[in-house]
Amino acid sequence: MRVEVTSREKLEKRSENPFPSGTAIISIADSDIDTILMKNKPDYLLLLRFDDVTTGDLEFDLGRKISEPEADEFARAYHMFNDEQAKKVAAYINSIQEKVNTLICQCEYGQSRSAGVAAAVREFLYNDGIEIFADDRYYPNKVVYRKVFNALNNYDE
């Protein structure tokens, strides 16, 4: 399966034409923005909503380590990626991996959250997720990467 990373704008434009058979998409929207509008839909589609923030962002801003209650409050306030969403991604990948030729991972700018998912999937399937991290076009969200990779490794139908 080929794994691609793209932005909302590029995927909306790409959807003006039908997707080839065997295409799957993981579309990630910000919590305060509508999910992607596609004129044509792929064979398989997973829609997720979460913001591109981590507790590390808050710690950097505050200049100190935060407590667990602060981290929980921050996660809720900013709609961070969570273990339940990672499990959905793992279940989705397991359900489609034998059926698709192309997996497109998409987020707003196609650089961070979608790159984190793509890197985790490639690492899990092909042991080459580092290729996403090494590509200057992307800045994979490491929390997303770790949670998805762990969920894929611990997936139990």
N, C-alpha and C. Protein backbone atom coordinates (compact mmCIF):
# COMPACT_ATOMS: atom_id res chain seq x y z
N MET A 1 0.85 -1.18 0.00
CA MET A 1 0.00 0.00 0.00
C MET A 1 0.90 1.24 0.00
N ARG A 2 0.63 2.14 -0.92
CA ARG A 2 1.34 3.42 -0.96
C ARG A 2 0.68 4.33 0.07
N VAL A 3 1.50 5.05 0.84
CA VAL A 3 1.00 5.95 1.88
C VAL A 3 1.40 7.36 1.50
N GLU A 4 0.40 8.24 1.34
CA GLU A 4 0.63 9.62 0.94
C GLU A 4 0.22 10.57 2.06
N VAL A 5 0.79 11.78 2.03
CA VAL A 5 0.43 12.84 2.97
C VAL A 5 0.01 14.05 2.14
N THR A 6 -1.10 14.68 2.52
CA THR A 6 -1.56 15.84 1.76
C THR A 6 -2.34 16.80 2.64
N SER A 7 -2.64 17.95 2.09
CA SER A 7 -3.39 19.00 2.79
C SER A 7 -4.87 18.95 2.42
N ARG A 8 -5.68 19.65 3.18
CA ARG A 8 -7.11 19.76 2.91
C ARG A 8 -7.34 20.34 1.52
N GLU A 9 -6.68 21.43 1.22
CA GLU A 9 -6.88 22.10 -0.07
C GLU A 9 -6.57 21.17 -1.24
N LYS A 10 -5.44 20.47 -1.16
CA LYS A 10 -5.06 19.57 -2.26
C LYS A 10 -6.01 18.39 -2.38
N LEU A 11 -6.47 17.85 -1.25
CA LEU A 11 -7.38 16.71 -1.32
C LEU A 11 -8.76 17.12 -1.83
N GLU A 12 -9.23 18.30 -1.43
CA GLU A 12 -10.52 18.78 -1.95
C GLU A 12 -10.44 18.94 -3.46
N LYS A 13 -9.34 19.48 -3.96
CA LYS A 13 -9.16 19.63 -5.41
C LYS A 13 -9.08 18.26 -6.08
N ARG A 14 -8.32 17.36 -5.48
CA ARG A 14 -8.17 16.00 -6.03
C ARG A 14 -9.51 15.27 -6.10
N SER A 15 -10.41 15.58 -5.17
CA SER A 15 -11.71 14.90 -5.12
C SER A 15 -12.67 15.38 -6.20
N GLU A 16 -12.27 16.36 -6.99
CA GLU A 16 -13.11 16.80 -8.10
C GLU A 16 -13.27 15.68 -9.13
N ASN A 17 -12.31 14.78 -9.15
CA ASN A 17 -12.37 13.59 -10.01
C ASN A 17 -12.55 12.37 -9.13
N PRO A 18 -13.14 11.31 -9.66
CA PRO A 18 -13.29 10.09 -8.85
C PRO A 18 -11.92 9.55 -8.42
N PHE A 19 -11.88 9.00 -7.23
CA PHE A 19 -10.66 8.36 -6.75
C PHE A 19 -10.54 6.98 -7.40
N PRO A 20 -9.32 6.55 -7.67
CA PRO A 20 -9.15 5.19 -8.20
C PRO A 20 -9.67 4.17 -7.19
N SER A 21 -10.13 3.06 -7.70
CA SER A 21 -10.57 1.97 -6.83
C SER A 21 -9.39 1.57 -5.94
N GLY A 22 -9.71 1.23 -4.70
CA GLY A 22 -8.65 0.84 -3.77
C GLY A 22 -7.99 2.00 -3.07
N THR A 23 -8.68 3.14 -3.00
CA THR A 23 -8.15 4.30 -2.30
C THR A 23 -8.83 4.43 -0.94
N ALA A 24 -8.03 4.71 0.07
CA ALA A 24 -8.53 4.96 1.42
C ALA A 24 -7.98 6.30 1.89
N ILE A 25 -8.76 6.98 2.73
CA ILE A 25 -8.34 8.29 3.25
C ILE A 25 -8.55 8.32 4.76
N ILE A 26 -7.58 8.91 5.44
CA ILE A 26 -7.75 9.32 6.83
C ILE A 26 -7.70 10.84 6.79
N SER A 27 -8.84 11.46 7.06
CA SER A 27 -8.96 12.91 7.01
C SER A 27 -9.05 13.47 8.42
N ILE A 28 -8.15 14.40 8.73
CA ILE A 28 -8.09 15.00 10.06
C ILE A 28 -8.45 16.47 9.96
N ALA A 29 -9.47 16.88 10.71
CA ALA A 29 -9.89 18.28 10.75
C ALA A 29 -9.60 18.85 12.13
N ASP A 30 -9.37 20.15 12.17
CA ASP A 30 -9.27 20.85 13.45
C ASP A 30 -10.62 20.73 14.16
N SER A 31 -10.61 20.84 15.47
CA SER A 31 -11.85 20.68 16.24
C SER A 31 -12.86 21.77 15.95
N ASP A 32 -12.42 22.92 15.49
CA ASP A 32 -13.33 24.04 15.25
C ASP A 32 -13.62 24.30 13.77
N ILE A 33 -13.27 23.34 12.92
CA ILE A 33 -13.49 23.48 11.48
C ILE A 33 -14.29 22.28 10.98
N ASP A 34 -15.16 22.49 10.01
CA ASP A 34 -15.92 21.39 9.43
C ASP A 34 -14.99 20.37 8.81
N THR A 35 -15.45 19.12 8.75
CA THR A 35 -14.66 18.09 8.10
C THR A 35 -14.58 18.41 6.60
N ILE A 36 -13.68 17.75 5.93
CA ILE A 36 -13.39 18.02 4.53
C ILE A 36 -14.63 17.83 3.65
N LEU A 37 -14.73 18.66 2.64
CA LEU A 37 -15.81 18.55 1.66
C LEU A 37 -15.22 17.98 0.38
N MET A 38 -15.65 16.79 0.05
CA MET A 38 -15.13 16.13 -1.15
C MET A 38 -16.27 15.90 -2.14
N LYS A 39 -16.03 16.24 -3.40
CA LYS A 39 -17.05 16.01 -4.43
C LYS A 39 -17.21 14.53 -4.70
N ASN A 40 -16.12 13.81 -4.69
CA ASN A 40 -16.14 12.35 -4.85
C ASN A 40 -15.51 11.74 -3.62
N LYS A 41 -16.02 10.60 -3.22
CA LYS A 41 -15.52 9.91 -2.03
C LYS A 41 -14.69 8.69 -2.44
N PRO A 42 -13.71 8.33 -1.63
CA PRO A 42 -12.94 7.12 -1.91
C PRO A 42 -13.72 5.89 -1.44
N ASP A 43 -13.15 4.73 -1.68
CA ASP A 43 -13.78 3.49 -1.22
C ASP A 43 -13.87 3.44 0.30
N TYR A 44 -12.86 3.98 0.98
CA TYR A 44 -12.80 3.92 2.44
C TYR A 44 -12.43 5.30 2.97
N LEU A 45 -13.12 5.73 4.03
CA LEU A 45 -12.89 7.06 4.58
C LEU A 45 -13.04 7.04 6.09
N LEU A 46 -12.02 7.56 6.78
CA LEU A 46 -12.06 7.74 8.22
C LEU A 46 -11.91 9.22 8.50
N LEU A 47 -12.90 9.80 9.18
CA LEU A 47 -12.87 11.21 9.54
C LEU A 47 -12.53 11.35 11.02
N LEU A 48 -11.54 12.18 11.32
CA LEU A 48 -11.13 12.45 12.69
C LEU A 48 -11.10 13.96 12.92
N ARG A 49 -11.27 14.36 14.18
CA ARG A 49 -11.20 15.78 14.54
C ARG A 49 -10.36 15.91 15.80
N PHE A 50 -9.25 16.60 15.68
CA PHE A 50 -8.44 16.96 16.84
C PHE A 50 -7.47 18.06 16.42
N ASP A 51 -7.00 18.79 17.42
CA ASP A 51 -6.11 19.92 17.16
C ASP A 51 -4.65 19.47 17.17
N ASP A 52 -3.82 20.26 16.54
CA ASP A 52 -2.39 19.95 16.43
C ASP A 52 -1.63 20.58 17.59
N VAL A 53 -1.93 20.08 18.78
CA VAL A 53 -1.26 20.56 19.99
C VAL A 53 -0.88 19.37 20.87
N THR A 54 0.13 19.60 21.71
CA THR A 54 0.56 18.57 22.65
C THR A 54 0.81 19.24 24.00
N THR A 55 0.90 18.43 25.04
CA THR A 55 1.22 19.00 26.36
C THR A 55 2.61 19.63 26.32
N GLY A 56 3.48 19.14 25.45
CA GLY A 56 4.80 19.74 25.29
C GLY A 56 4.72 21.19 24.85
N ASP A 57 3.70 21.53 24.05
CA ASP A 57 3.50 22.92 23.65
C ASP A 57 3.22 23.80 24.86
N LEU A 58 2.36 23.31 25.76
CA LEU A 58 2.04 24.07 26.97
C LEU A 58 3.27 24.19 27.86
N GLU A 59 4.00 23.10 28.03
CA GLU A 59 5.20 23.13 28.87
C GLU A 59 6.22 24.12 28.32
N PHE A 60 6.35 24.17 27.01
CA PHE A 60 7.27 25.12 26.38
C PHE A 60 6.82 26.55 26.69
N ASP A 61 5.52 26.82 26.51
CA ASP A 61 4.99 28.15 26.77
C ASP A 61 5.16 28.57 28.24
N LEU A 62 4.93 27.61 29.15
CA LEU A 62 5.02 27.91 30.58
C LEU A 62 6.46 27.88 31.10
N GLY A 63 7.32 27.19 30.39
CA GLY A 63 8.70 27.06 30.83
C GLY A 63 8.87 26.11 32.01
N ARG A 64 7.94 25.18 32.13
CA ARG A 64 8.02 24.20 33.23
C ARG A 64 7.24 22.95 32.86
N LYS A 65 7.52 21.88 33.58
CA LYS A 65 6.79 20.62 33.44
C LYS A 65 5.40 20.83 34.04
N ILE A 66 4.37 20.25 33.43
CA ILE A 66 3.02 20.40 33.98
C ILE A 66 2.61 19.14 34.71
N SER A 67 1.67 19.31 35.61
CA SER A 67 1.17 18.18 36.40
C SER A 67 0.19 17.36 35.55
N GLU A 68 -0.10 16.17 36.02
CA GLU A 68 -1.06 15.31 35.31
C GLU A 68 -2.44 15.95 35.23
N PRO A 69 -2.97 16.55 36.32
CA PRO A 69 -4.28 17.22 36.20
C PRO A 69 -4.24 18.37 35.19
N GLU A 70 -3.13 19.12 35.14
CA GLU A 70 -3.01 20.20 34.15
C GLU A 70 -3.00 19.61 32.73
N ALA A 71 -2.30 18.51 32.56
CA ALA A 71 -2.23 17.86 31.24
C ALA A 71 -3.61 17.39 30.81
N ASP A 72 -4.38 16.80 31.74
CA ASP A 72 -5.73 16.33 31.42
C ASP A 72 -6.64 17.50 31.03
N GLU A 73 -6.54 18.59 31.79
CA GLU A 73 -7.35 19.78 31.50
C GLU A 73 -6.97 20.37 30.14
N PHE A 74 -5.69 20.44 29.86
CA PHE A 74 -5.19 20.96 28.59
C PHE A 74 -5.68 20.08 27.43
N ALA A 75 -5.62 18.76 27.61
CA ALA A 75 -6.06 17.83 26.57
C ALA A 75 -7.52 18.02 26.23
N ARG A 76 -8.36 18.22 27.24
CA ARG A 76 -9.78 18.44 26.99
C ARG A 76 -10.04 19.81 26.35
N ALA A 77 -9.37 20.83 26.83
CA ALA A 77 -9.60 22.19 26.33
C ALA A 77 -9.17 22.34 24.88
N TYR A 78 -8.13 21.63 24.49
CA TYR A 78 -7.59 21.80 23.15
C TYR A 78 -7.81 20.61 22.23
N HIS A 79 -8.68 19.69 22.63
CA HIS A 79 -9.07 18.57 21.77
C HIS A 79 -7.85 17.86 21.19
N MET A 80 -6.98 17.41 22.08
CA MET A 80 -5.77 16.70 21.66
C MET A 80 -6.11 15.30 21.17
N PHE A 81 -5.23 14.76 20.36
CA PHE A 81 -5.33 13.39 19.89
C PHE A 81 -5.27 12.47 21.10
N ASN A 82 -6.15 11.45 21.12
CA ASN A 82 -6.20 10.59 22.29
C ASN A 82 -6.09 9.11 21.90
N ASP A 83 -5.98 8.27 22.93
CA ASP A 83 -5.82 6.83 22.70
C ASP A 83 -7.00 6.21 21.97
N GLU A 84 -8.20 6.72 22.24
CA GLU A 84 -9.40 6.18 21.57
C GLU A 84 -9.33 6.43 20.06
N GLN A 85 -8.89 7.63 19.68
CA GLN A 85 -8.75 7.93 18.25
C GLN A 85 -7.65 7.07 17.62
N ALA A 86 -6.57 6.86 18.36
CA ALA A 86 -5.49 6.00 17.86
C ALA A 86 -6.01 4.58 17.62
N LYS A 87 -6.86 4.09 18.51
CA LYS A 87 -7.45 2.76 18.33
C LYS A 87 -8.34 2.72 17.09
N LYS A 88 -9.05 3.81 16.81
CA LYS A 88 -9.87 3.88 15.59
C LYS A 88 -9.00 3.79 14.35
N VAL A 89 -7.86 4.49 14.38
CA VAL A 89 -6.94 4.43 13.25
C VAL A 89 -6.42 3.01 13.08
N ALA A 90 -6.03 2.37 14.17
CA ALA A 90 -5.51 1.00 14.11
C ALA A 90 -6.57 0.04 13.55
N ALA A 91 -7.80 0.16 14.02
CA ALA A 91 -8.87 -0.70 13.53
C ALA A 91 -9.11 -0.45 12.03
N TYR A 92 -9.10 0.80 11.63
CA TYR A 92 -9.29 1.18 10.24
C TYR A 92 -8.18 0.57 9.36
N ILE A 93 -6.94 0.75 9.76
CA ILE A 93 -5.81 0.22 8.99
C ILE A 93 -5.92 -1.29 8.88
N ASN A 94 -6.23 -1.95 9.98
CA ASN A 94 -6.36 -3.40 9.95
C ASN A 94 -7.50 -3.86 9.06
N SER A 95 -8.56 -3.08 8.97
CA SER A 95 -9.71 -3.48 8.15
C SER A 95 -9.49 -3.24 6.66
N ILE A 96 -8.58 -2.32 6.31
CA ILE A 96 -8.40 -1.97 4.89
C ILE A 96 -7.10 -2.44 4.27
N GLN A 97 -6.12 -2.82 5.07
CA GLN A 97 -4.77 -3.00 4.53
C GLN A 97 -4.67 -4.02 3.41
N GLU A 98 -5.54 -5.00 3.39
CA GLU A 98 -5.51 -5.99 2.30
C GLU A 98 -6.38 -5.57 1.12
N LYS A 99 -7.11 -4.47 1.27
CA LYS A 99 -8.09 -4.08 0.24
C LYS A 99 -7.68 -2.85 -0.57
N VAL A 100 -6.68 -2.11 -0.10
CA VAL A 100 -6.38 -0.83 -0.75
C VAL A 100 -4.98 -0.81 -1.34
N ASN A 101 -4.84 0.05 -2.35
CA ASN A 101 -3.55 0.30 -2.99
C ASN A 101 -2.91 1.57 -2.47
N THR A 102 -3.77 2.54 -2.10
CA THR A 102 -3.28 3.85 -1.69
C THR A 102 -4.01 4.30 -0.44
N LEU A 103 -3.24 4.75 0.56
CA LEU A 103 -3.78 5.38 1.76
C LEU A 103 -3.34 6.83 1.74
N ILE A 104 -4.30 7.74 1.78
CA ILE A 104 -4.00 9.16 1.81
C ILE A 104 -4.29 9.66 3.22
N CYS A 105 -3.28 10.25 3.84
CA CYS A 105 -3.43 10.86 5.17
C CYS A 105 -3.47 12.36 4.97
N GLN A 106 -4.52 13.00 5.46
CA GLN A 106 -4.73 14.42 5.21
C GLN A 106 -5.04 15.16 6.49
N CYS A 107 -4.41 16.32 6.65
CA CYS A 107 -4.79 17.27 7.71
C CYS A 107 -4.79 18.67 7.08
N GLU A 108 -4.99 19.68 7.86
CA GLU A 108 -5.18 21.03 7.32
C GLU A 108 -4.07 21.43 6.34
N TYR A 109 -2.83 21.34 6.76
CA TYR A 109 -1.72 21.76 5.90
C TYR A 109 -0.92 20.58 5.34
N GLY A 110 -1.25 19.37 5.76
CA GLY A 110 -0.56 18.20 5.25
C GLY A 110 0.89 18.12 5.69
N GLN A 111 1.16 18.52 6.94
CA GLN A 111 2.54 18.54 7.40
C GLN A 111 2.76 17.86 8.75
N SER A 112 1.82 17.92 9.66
CA SER A 112 2.07 17.49 11.03
C SER A 112 1.25 16.27 11.45
N ARG A 113 -0.05 16.45 11.65
CA ARG A 113 -0.88 15.34 12.13
C ARG A 113 -0.95 14.21 11.12
N SER A 114 -1.22 14.56 9.86
CA SER A 114 -1.30 13.52 8.83
C SER A 114 0.05 12.86 8.62
N ALA A 115 1.13 13.62 8.74
CA ALA A 115 2.47 13.04 8.61
C ALA A 115 2.76 12.10 9.77
N GLY A 116 2.28 12.43 10.97
CA GLY A 116 2.44 11.54 12.11
C GLY A 116 1.73 10.21 11.90
N VAL A 117 0.51 10.27 11.38
CA VAL A 117 -0.24 9.04 11.09
C VAL A 117 0.47 8.25 10.00
N ALA A 118 0.86 8.92 8.92
CA ALA A 118 1.52 8.24 7.81
C ALA A 118 2.82 7.58 8.25
N ALA A 119 3.61 8.27 9.06
CA ALA A 119 4.87 7.70 9.54
C ALA A 119 4.62 6.46 10.39
N ALA A 120 3.60 6.51 11.24
CA ALA A 120 3.28 5.35 12.09
C ALA A 120 2.84 4.16 11.24
N VAL A 121 2.00 4.42 10.26
CA VAL A 121 1.52 3.34 9.39
C VAL A 121 2.68 2.74 8.61
N ARG A 122 3.52 3.59 8.05
CA ARG A 122 4.66 3.07 7.27
C ARG A 122 5.64 2.32 8.17
N GLU A 123 5.85 2.82 9.37
CA GLU A 123 6.75 2.11 10.28
C GLU A 123 6.18 0.75 10.65
N PHE A 124 4.89 0.71 10.91
CA PHE A 124 4.23 -0.54 11.28
C PHE A 124 4.26 -1.56 10.13
N LEU A 125 3.93 -1.10 8.93
CA LEU A 125 3.83 -2.01 7.79
C LEU A 125 5.18 -2.34 7.15
N TYR A 126 6.06 -1.33 7.05
CA TYR A 126 7.26 -1.49 6.23
C TYR A 126 8.57 -1.15 6.94
N ASN A 127 8.50 -0.76 8.20
CA ASN A 127 9.69 -0.35 8.95
C ASN A 127 10.43 0.80 8.30
N ASP A 128 9.70 1.71 7.64
CA ASP A 128 10.36 2.85 7.01
C ASP A 128 9.67 4.19 7.32
N GLY A 129 9.05 4.28 8.48
CA GLY A 129 8.41 5.53 8.89
C GLY A 129 9.39 6.68 8.98
N ILE A 130 10.66 6.38 9.17
CA ILE A 130 11.69 7.42 9.25
C ILE A 130 11.73 8.26 7.98
N GLU A 131 11.29 7.68 6.86
CA GLU A 131 11.27 8.43 5.59
C GLU A 131 10.39 9.67 5.69
N ILE A 132 9.30 9.59 6.43
CA ILE A 132 8.42 10.75 6.61
C ILE A 132 9.13 11.78 7.48
N PHE A 133 9.78 11.31 8.56
CA PHE A 133 10.50 12.23 9.44
C PHE A 133 11.66 12.90 8.73
N ALA A 134 12.29 12.21 7.80
CA ALA A 134 13.45 12.74 7.09
C ALA A 134 13.08 13.68 5.94
N ASP A 135 11.83 13.71 5.57
CA ASP A 135 11.36 14.53 4.45
C ASP A 135 11.10 15.96 4.95
N ASP A 136 11.78 16.93 4.39
CA ASP A 136 11.68 18.32 4.84
C ASP A 136 10.30 18.94 4.64
N ARG A 137 9.44 18.29 3.88
CA ARG A 137 8.08 18.83 3.69
C ARG A 137 7.22 18.60 4.92
N TYR A 138 7.63 17.69 5.80
CA TYR A 138 6.79 17.27 6.93
C TYR A 138 7.43 17.54 8.28
N TYR A 139 6.56 17.72 9.26
CA TYR A 139 6.94 17.89 10.66
C TYR A 139 6.01 17.00 11.47
N PRO A 140 6.20 15.68 11.42
CA PRO A 140 5.23 14.76 12.04
C PRO A 140 5.00 15.06 13.53
N ASN A 141 3.74 15.09 13.88
CA ASN A 141 3.36 15.24 15.29
C ASN A 141 3.77 13.94 15.98
N LYS A 142 4.72 14.05 16.92
CA LYS A 142 5.28 12.86 17.55
C LYS A 142 4.29 12.17 18.48
N VAL A 143 3.40 12.92 19.09
CA VAL A 143 2.37 12.30 19.94
C VAL A 143 1.45 11.44 19.07
N VAL A 144 1.02 11.98 17.95
CA VAL A 144 0.17 11.23 17.02
C VAL A 144 0.92 9.98 16.55
N TYR A 145 2.18 10.16 16.15
CA TYR A 145 2.98 9.02 15.70
C TYR A 145 3.03 7.93 16.76
N ARG A 146 3.41 8.29 17.98
CA ARG A 146 3.57 7.28 19.04
C ARG A 146 2.25 6.58 19.37
N LYS A 147 1.18 7.35 19.49
CA LYS A 147 -0.11 6.75 19.84
C LYS A 147 -0.61 5.82 18.73
N VAL A 148 -0.49 6.22 17.48
CA VAL A 148 -0.95 5.37 16.37
C VAL A 148 -0.06 4.14 16.27
N PHE A 149 1.25 4.32 16.36
CA PHE A 149 2.16 3.18 16.26
C PHE A 149 1.89 2.18 17.38
N ASN A 150 1.70 2.67 18.59
CA ASN A 150 1.39 1.78 19.72
C ASN A 150 0.06 1.07 19.52
N ALA A 151 -0.93 1.79 19.04
CA ALA A 151 -2.25 1.19 18.81
C ALA A 151 -2.17 0.12 17.72
N LEU A 152 -1.40 0.37 16.69
CA LEU A 152 -1.24 -0.64 15.63
C LEU A 152 -0.54 -1.89 16.17
N ASN A 153 0.48 -1.69 16.98
CA ASN A 153 1.22 -2.82 17.55
C ASN A 153 0.42 -3.61 18.57
N ASN A 154 -0.53 -2.95 19.22
CA ASN A 154 -1.33 -3.61 20.26
C ASN A 154 -2.75 -3.89 19.81
N TYR A 155 -3.01 -3.77 18.51
CA TYR A 155 -4.37 -3.96 18.01
C TYR A 155 -4.83 -5.38 18.24
N ASP A 156 -6.03 -5.50 18.77
CA ASP A 156 -6.65 -6.80 19.03
C ASP A 156 -8.11 -6.69 18.63
N GLU A 157 -8.47 -7.38 17.57
CA GLU A 157 -9.84 -7.30 17.07
C GLU A 157 -10.77 -7.65 18.19
